[in-house]
């Protein structure tokens, strides 16, 4: 995606990615973590790194004024992860409905580009359906379209 992103790096396993949010509240270390929840299915966890204990908080709201850049960075991380693990399917759900809505706004805003490379589904009314911009969803699931060609 051609959006402004923060530089990020992955650990050796390529399952944890870190970057710094920079804004009026200072520098806040962010972590995106992919955790296996099934065969080739990964949950994407995302939040602030607690430097004291090494844990990730996915409930803190940092409000550092760079939300769009953070979403673009996480989008870039998803592209890189699925570039390395082409058959990976990614599950995303915010810890709150507001956070899930924030993710959906990012998907909506960049849908034309996302849709070129990913098949995305939204969860609503207790079932999965192909993602549509006009719907509100409780969670998201997607994978690279090229993974079906392998």
C-alpha atoms as a PDB file:
ATOM      1  CA  UNK A   1       0.000   0.000   0.000  1.00  0.00           C
ATOM      2  CA  UNK A   2       1.330   3.430  -0.880  1.00  0.00           C
ATOM      3  CA  UNK A   3       0.531   5.126   2.419  1.00  0.00           C
ATOM      4  CA  UNK A   4       2.889   6.755   4.880  1.00  0.00           C
ATOM      5  CA  UNK A   5       4.064   4.093   7.323  1.00  0.00           C
ATOM      6  CA  UNK A   6       6.463   3.813  10.203  1.00  0.00           C
ATOM      7  CA  UNK A   7       9.588   1.727   9.678  1.00  0.00           C
ATOM      8  CA  UNK A   8       9.171  -1.636  11.399  1.00  0.00           C
ATOM      9  CA  UNK A   9      11.133  -4.794  11.932  1.00  0.00           C
ATOM     10  CA  UNK A  10      10.270  -8.430  12.486  1.00  0.00           C
ATOM     11  CA  UNK A  11      11.794 -10.878  14.936  1.00  0.00           C
ATOM     12  CA  UNK A  12      13.578 -14.007  13.669  1.00  0.00           C
ATOM     13  CA  UNK A  13      10.352 -16.065  13.535  1.00  0.00           C
ATOM     14  CA  UNK A  14       8.581 -13.316  11.559  1.00  0.00           C
ATOM     15  CA  UNK A  15       5.630 -13.533  13.970  1.00  0.00           C
ATOM     16  CA  UNK A  16       6.332 -10.360  15.991  1.00  0.00           C
ATOM     17  CA  UNK A  17       6.752  -6.928  14.409  1.00  0.00           C
ATOM     18  CA  UNK A  18       7.665  -3.739  16.261  1.00  0.00           C
ATOM     19  CA  UNK A  19       7.603  -0.059  15.406  1.00  0.00           C
ATOM     20  CA  UNK A  20       7.467   3.291  17.181  1.00  0.00           C
ATOM     21  CA  UNK A  21       4.481   5.626  17.142  1.00  0.00           C
ATOM     22  CA  UNK A  22       5.739   9.201  17.279  1.00  0.00           C
ATOM     23  CA  UNK A  23       3.438  12.022  18.286  1.00  0.00           C
ATOM     24  CA  UNK A  24       2.543  14.597  20.933  1.00  0.00           C
ATOM     25  CA  UNK A  25       2.624  11.947  23.675  1.00  0.00           C
ATOM     26  CA  UNK A  26       6.163  10.945  22.751  1.00  0.00           C
ATOM     27  CA  UNK A  27       7.476   7.680  21.354  1.00  0.00           C
ATOM     28  CA  UNK A  28       5.273   4.649  21.995  1.00  0.00           C
ATOM     29  CA  UNK A  29       6.502   1.187  21.027  1.00  0.00           C
ATOM     30  CA  UNK A  30       3.843  -0.821  19.153  1.00  0.00           C
ATOM     31  CA  UNK A  31       3.790  -4.568  18.538  1.00  0.00           C
ATOM     32  CA  UNK A  32       1.855  -6.594  15.985  1.00  0.00           C
ATOM     33  CA  UNK A  33       1.904 -10.320  16.821  1.00  0.00           C
ATOM     34  CA  UNK A  34       0.660 -13.218  14.733  1.00  0.00           C
ATOM     35  CA  UNK A  35      -0.425 -16.216  16.820  1.00  0.00           C
ATOM     36  CA  UNK A  36      -1.435 -19.544  15.326  1.00  0.00           C
ATOM     37  CA  UNK A  37      -5.071 -20.462  16.036  1.00  0.00           C
ATOM     38  CA  UNK A  38      -5.373 -23.257  13.478  1.00  0.00           C
ATOM     39  CA  UNK A  39      -3.660 -24.733  10.447  1.00  0.00           C
ATOM     40  CA  UNK A  40      -2.451 -21.687   8.486  1.00  0.00           C
ATOM     41  CA  UNK A  41      -4.821 -19.435  10.488  1.00  0.00           C
ATOM     42  CA  UNK A  42      -3.347 -16.629  12.563  1.00  0.00           C
ATOM     43  CA  UNK A  43      -4.808 -14.136  14.980  1.00  0.00           C
ATOM     44  CA  UNK A  44      -3.348 -10.652  14.619  1.00  0.00           C
ATOM     45  CA  UNK A  45      -2.853  -9.109  18.030  1.00  0.00           C
ATOM     46  CA  UNK A  46      -1.816  -5.483  18.195  1.00  0.00           C
ATOM     47  CA  UNK A  47      -1.049  -3.018  20.951  1.00  0.00           C
ATOM     48  CA  UNK A  48       1.437  -1.035  22.989  1.00  0.00           C
ATOM     49  CA  UNK A  49       4.508  -2.730  24.404  1.00  0.00           C
ATOM     50  CA  UNK A  50       4.881  -2.420  28.161  1.00  0.00           C
ATOM     51  CA  UNK A  51       8.642  -1.905  28.351  1.00  0.00           C
ATOM     52  CA  UNK A  52       8.714  -2.920  32.051  1.00  0.00           C
ATOM     53  CA  UNK A  53       7.254  -6.415  31.708  1.00  0.00           C
ATOM     54  CA  UNK A  54       7.453  -7.067  27.944  1.00  0.00           C
ATOM     55  CA  UNK A  55       3.712  -7.628  27.627  1.00  0.00           C
ATOM     56  CA  UNK A  56       1.473  -6.175  24.919  1.00  0.00           C
ATOM     57  CA  UNK A  57      -1.524  -4.113  25.996  1.00  0.00           C
ATOM     58  CA  UNK A  58      -4.304  -4.219  23.427  1.00  0.00           C
ATOM     59  CA  UNK A  59      -6.657  -2.182  25.591  1.00  0.00           C
ATOM     60  CA  UNK A  60      -4.668   1.006  26.148  1.00  0.00           C
ATOM     61  CA  UNK A  61      -5.649   4.003  24.020  1.00  0.00           C
ATOM     62  CA  UNK A  62      -2.522   6.022  23.328  1.00  0.00           C
ATOM     63  CA  UNK A  63      -4.092   8.813  21.192  1.00  0.00           C
ATOM     64  CA  UNK A  64      -0.742   9.861  19.792  1.00  0.00           C
ATOM     65  CA  UNK A  65      -2.317  11.621  16.809  1.00  0.00           C
ATOM     66  CA  UNK A  66      -1.029   9.162  14.212  1.00  0.00           C
ATOM     67  CA  UNK A  67      -3.859   6.635  13.886  1.00  0.00           C
ATOM     68  CA  UNK A  68      -3.886   6.518  10.085  1.00  0.00           C
ATOM     69  CA  UNK A  69      -0.135   6.026   9.938  1.00  0.00           C
ATOM     70  CA  UNK A  70      -0.403   3.231  12.521  1.00  0.00           C
ATOM     71  CA  UNK A  71      -3.136   1.470  10.504  1.00  0.00           C
ATOM     72  CA  UNK A  72      -1.053   1.832   7.341  1.00  0.00           C
ATOM     73  CA  UNK A  73       1.933   0.345   9.163  1.00  0.00           C
ATOM     74  CA  UNK A  74      -0.121  -2.624  10.376  1.00  0.00           C
ATOM     75  CA  UNK A  75      -1.398  -3.031   6.809  1.00  0.00           C
ATOM     76  CA  UNK A  76       2.198  -3.145   5.576  1.00  0.00           C
ATOM     77  CA  UNK A  77       3.003  -5.733   8.232  1.00  0.00           C
ATOM     78  CA  UNK A  78       0.093  -7.900   7.036  1.00  0.00           C
ATOM     79  CA  UNK A  79       1.387  -7.630   3.465  1.00  0.00           C
ATOM     80  CA  UNK A  80       4.885  -8.687   4.582  1.00  0.00           C
ATOM     81  CA  UNK A  81       3.620 -11.539   6.767  1.00  0.00           C
ATOM     82  CA  UNK A  82       1.393 -12.945   4.024  1.00  0.00           C
ATOM     83  CA  UNK A  83       4.216 -12.450   1.539  1.00  0.00           C
ATOM     84  CA  UNK A  84       6.351 -14.801   3.617  1.00  0.00           C
ATOM     85  CA  UNK A  85       3.490 -17.149   4.583  1.00  0.00           C
ATOM     86  CA  UNK A  86       1.417 -17.106   1.404  1.00  0.00           C
ATOM     87  CA  UNK A  87      -1.175 -19.613   2.636  1.00  0.00           C
ATOM     88  CA  UNK A  88      -1.773 -17.774   5.913  1.00  0.00           C
ATOM     89  CA  UNK A  89      -5.261 -16.579   6.737  1.00  0.00           C
ATOM     90  CA  UNK A  90      -5.456 -13.664   9.184  1.00  0.00           C
ATOM     91  CA  UNK A  91      -8.181 -13.173  11.816  1.00  0.00           C
ATOM     92  CA  UNK A  92      -8.618  -9.650  13.218  1.00  0.00           C
ATOM     93  CA  UNK A  93     -10.960  -8.462  15.941  1.00  0.00           C
ATOM     94  CA  UNK A  94     -10.533  -5.439  18.164  1.00  0.00           C
ATOM     95  CA  UNK A  95     -10.674  -5.757  21.940  1.00  0.00           C
ATOM     96  CA  UNK A  96     -13.614  -3.351  21.866  1.00  0.00           C
ATOM     97  CA  UNK A  97     -16.302  -2.610  19.300  1.00  0.00           C
ATOM     98  CA  UNK A  98     -14.791   0.873  18.880  1.00  0.00           C
ATOM     99  CA  UNK A  99     -11.412  -0.604  18.019  1.00  0.00           C
ATOM    100  CA  UNK A 100     -12.987  -3.075  15.579  1.00  0.00           C
ATOM    101  CA  UNK A 101     -14.801  -0.135  13.977  1.00  0.00           C
ATOM    102  CA  UNK A 102     -11.481   1.719  13.696  1.00  0.00           C
ATOM    103  CA  UNK A 103     -10.016  -1.288  11.836  1.00  0.00           C
ATOM    104  CA  UNK A 104     -13.058  -1.354   9.567  1.00  0.00           C
ATOM    105  CA  UNK A 105     -12.667   2.343   8.748  1.00  0.00           C
ATOM    106  CA  UNK A 106      -9.101   1.615   7.662  1.00  0.00           C
ATOM    107  CA  UNK A 107     -10.259  -1.268   5.463  1.00  0.00           C
ATOM    108  CA  UNK A 108     -13.039   0.866   3.971  1.00  0.00           C
ATOM    109  CA  UNK A 109     -10.702   3.746   3.216  1.00  0.00           C
ATOM    110  CA  UNK A 110      -8.223   1.496   1.409  1.00  0.00           C
ATOM    111  CA  UNK A 111     -10.652  -1.112   0.077  1.00  0.00           C
ATOM    112  CA  UNK A 112      -9.827  -0.754  -3.624  1.00  0.00           C
ATOM    113  CA  UNK A 113      -6.159  -1.547  -3.009  1.00  0.00           C
ATOM    114  CA  UNK A 114      -6.809  -4.229  -0.366  1.00  0.00           C
ATOM    115  CA  UNK A 115      -9.350  -5.974  -2.587  1.00  0.00           C
ATOM    116  CA  UNK A 116      -6.771  -6.354  -5.375  1.00  0.00           C
ATOM    117  CA  UNK A 117      -4.584  -8.565  -3.195  1.00  0.00           C
ATOM    118  CA  UNK A 118      -6.798 -10.023  -0.463  1.00  0.00           C
ATOM    119  CA  UNK A 119     -10.026 -11.916  -0.134  1.00  0.00           C
ATOM    120  CA  UNK A 120     -11.659 -10.433   2.984  1.00  0.00           C
ATOM    121  CA  UNK A 121     -14.667 -11.615   4.979  1.00  0.00           C
ATOM    122  CA  UNK A 122     -16.591  -9.884   7.729  1.00  0.00           C
ATOM    123  CA  UNK A 123     -18.387 -11.547  10.633  1.00  0.00           C
ATOM    124  CA  UNK A 124     -21.906 -10.375  11.440  1.00  0.00           C
ATOM    125  CA  UNK A 125     -25.184 -11.975  12.491  1.00  0.00           C
ATOM    126  CA  UNK A 126     -23.270 -15.095  13.542  1.00  0.00           C
ATOM    127  CA  UNK A 127     -21.864 -15.836  10.082  1.00  0.00           C
ATOM    128  CA  UNK A 128     -19.031 -14.928   7.739  1.00  0.00           C
ATOM    129  CA  UNK A 129     -19.740 -13.104   4.488  1.00  0.00           C
ATOM    130  CA  UNK A 130     -17.640 -11.429   1.792  1.00  0.00           C
ATOM    131  CA  UNK A 131     -16.633  -7.987   3.037  1.00  0.00           C
ATOM    132  CA  UNK A 132     -18.831  -5.085   1.931  1.00  0.00           C
ATOM    133  CA  UNK A 133     -18.085  -1.467   2.714  1.00  0.00           C
ATOM    134  CA  UNK A 134     -21.693  -0.722   3.638  1.00  0.00           C
ATOM    135  CA  UNK A 135     -21.839  -3.246   6.497  1.00  0.00           C
ATOM    136  CA  UNK A 136     -20.626  -3.148  10.087  1.00  0.00           C
ATOM    137  CA  UNK A 137     -18.705  -6.221  11.205  1.00  0.00           C
ATOM    138  CA  UNK A 138     -17.631  -7.761  14.506  1.00  0.00           C
ATOM    139  CA  UNK A 139     -14.426  -9.323  13.127  1.00  0.00           C
ATOM    140  CA  UNK A 140     -12.477  -9.803   9.896  1.00  0.00           C
ATOM    141  CA  UNK A 141     -10.798 -12.708   8.172  1.00  0.00           C
ATOM    142  CA  UNK A 142      -8.662 -12.551   5.071  1.00  0.00           C
ATOM    143  CA  UNK A 143      -5.937 -14.115   2.983  1.00  0.00           C
ATOM    144  CA  UNK A 144      -3.898 -13.276  -0.068  1.00  0.00           C
ATOM    145  CA  UNK A 145      -5.756 -14.019  -3.274  1.00  0.00           C
ATOM    146  CA  UNK A 146      -2.618 -15.569  -4.728  1.00  0.00           C
ATOM    147  CA  UNK A 147      -2.664 -18.229  -1.989  1.00  0.00           C
ATOM    148  CA  UNK A 148      -5.514 -19.951  -3.816  1.00  0.00           C
ATOM    149  CA  UNK A 149      -3.297 -20.370  -6.871  1.00  0.00           C
ATOM    150  CA  UNK A 150      -0.567 -22.356  -5.091  1.00  0.00           C
END
